[in-house]
């Protein structure tokens, strides 16, 4: 679940809660399973922020400056 928010952040520039970010990977899985078509439009709702889960993310040593 922690990987999904990082992917969303890199692609979309938002920091979603893990449960909201899971919706980002669902269409890819549904597309591969043939449950949706590539030409269909979908809407994803992010209703939470990743800031609630900061303790679950490892610190980024590259971002720490002395």
Protein backbone atom coordinates (compact mmCIF):
# COMPACT_ATOMS: atom_id res chain seq x y z
CA UNK A 1 0.00 0.00 0.00
CA UNK A 2 2.90 2.39 0.58
CA UNK A 3 4.10 2.00 -3.02
CA UNK A 4 0.82 3.28 -4.50
CA UNK A 5 1.01 6.80 -3.01
CA UNK A 6 4.59 7.15 -4.26
CA UNK A 7 3.49 6.24 -7.79
CA UNK A 8 0.58 8.67 -7.66
CA UNK A 9 2.85 11.40 -6.32
CA UNK A 10 5.36 10.88 -9.10
CA UNK A 11 2.69 10.79 -11.81
CA UNK A 12 0.16 13.33 -10.56
CA UNK A 13 1.93 15.50 -7.98
CA UNK A 14 -0.41 14.75 -5.07
CA UNK A 15 0.19 12.92 -1.78
CA UNK A 16 -2.87 10.68 -1.34
CA UNK A 17 -3.72 8.41 1.54
CA UNK A 18 -2.83 4.77 0.78
CA UNK A 19 -6.47 3.73 0.46
CA UNK A 20 -7.09 6.46 -2.11
CA UNK A 21 -3.91 5.66 -4.01
CA UNK A 22 -5.00 2.05 -4.39
CA UNK A 23 -7.63 3.36 -6.80
CA UNK A 24 -4.78 4.53 -9.03
CA UNK A 25 -3.60 0.97 -9.68
CA UNK A 26 -7.08 -0.58 -9.95
CA UNK A 27 -7.80 0.63 -13.53
CA UNK A 28 -4.56 -0.92 -14.76
CA UNK A 29 -5.55 -4.25 -13.25
CA UNK A 30 -9.11 -3.97 -14.57
CA UNK A 31 -7.75 -3.15 -18.04
CA UNK A 32 -5.48 -6.22 -18.04
CA UNK A 33 -8.38 -8.38 -16.85
CA UNK A 34 -10.56 -7.09 -19.70
CA UNK A 35 -13.11 -5.58 -17.32
CA UNK A 36 -12.69 -2.08 -18.77
CA UNK A 37 -11.61 -0.92 -22.22
CA UNK A 38 -8.72 1.43 -22.98
CA UNK A 39 -11.11 3.93 -24.59
CA UNK A 40 -13.33 4.25 -21.51
CA UNK A 41 -13.18 7.30 -19.25
CA UNK A 42 -12.94 6.81 -15.50
CA UNK A 43 -12.89 9.14 -12.51
CA UNK A 44 -10.78 8.56 -9.39
CA UNK A 45 -11.62 10.32 -6.15
CA UNK A 46 -8.96 11.00 -3.57
CA UNK A 47 -10.64 11.80 -0.26
CA UNK A 48 -7.68 11.55 2.09
CA UNK A 49 -4.17 12.86 2.46
CA UNK A 50 -0.96 10.97 2.90
CA UNK A 51 -0.03 13.40 5.67
CA UNK A 52 -2.09 11.24 8.05
CA UNK A 53 0.35 8.38 7.45
CA UNK A 54 3.77 10.03 7.63
CA UNK A 55 4.95 7.63 10.36
CA UNK A 56 4.43 4.73 7.92
CA UNK A 57 6.91 6.11 5.39
CA UNK A 58 10.64 5.63 5.86
CA UNK A 59 12.63 8.86 6.09
CA UNK A 60 14.38 10.00 2.95
CA UNK A 61 18.05 10.44 3.83
CA UNK A 62 18.62 12.46 0.66
CA UNK A 63 16.13 15.08 1.88
CA UNK A 64 17.84 15.54 5.26
CA UNK A 65 20.36 18.38 5.27
CA UNK A 66 22.86 19.13 8.02
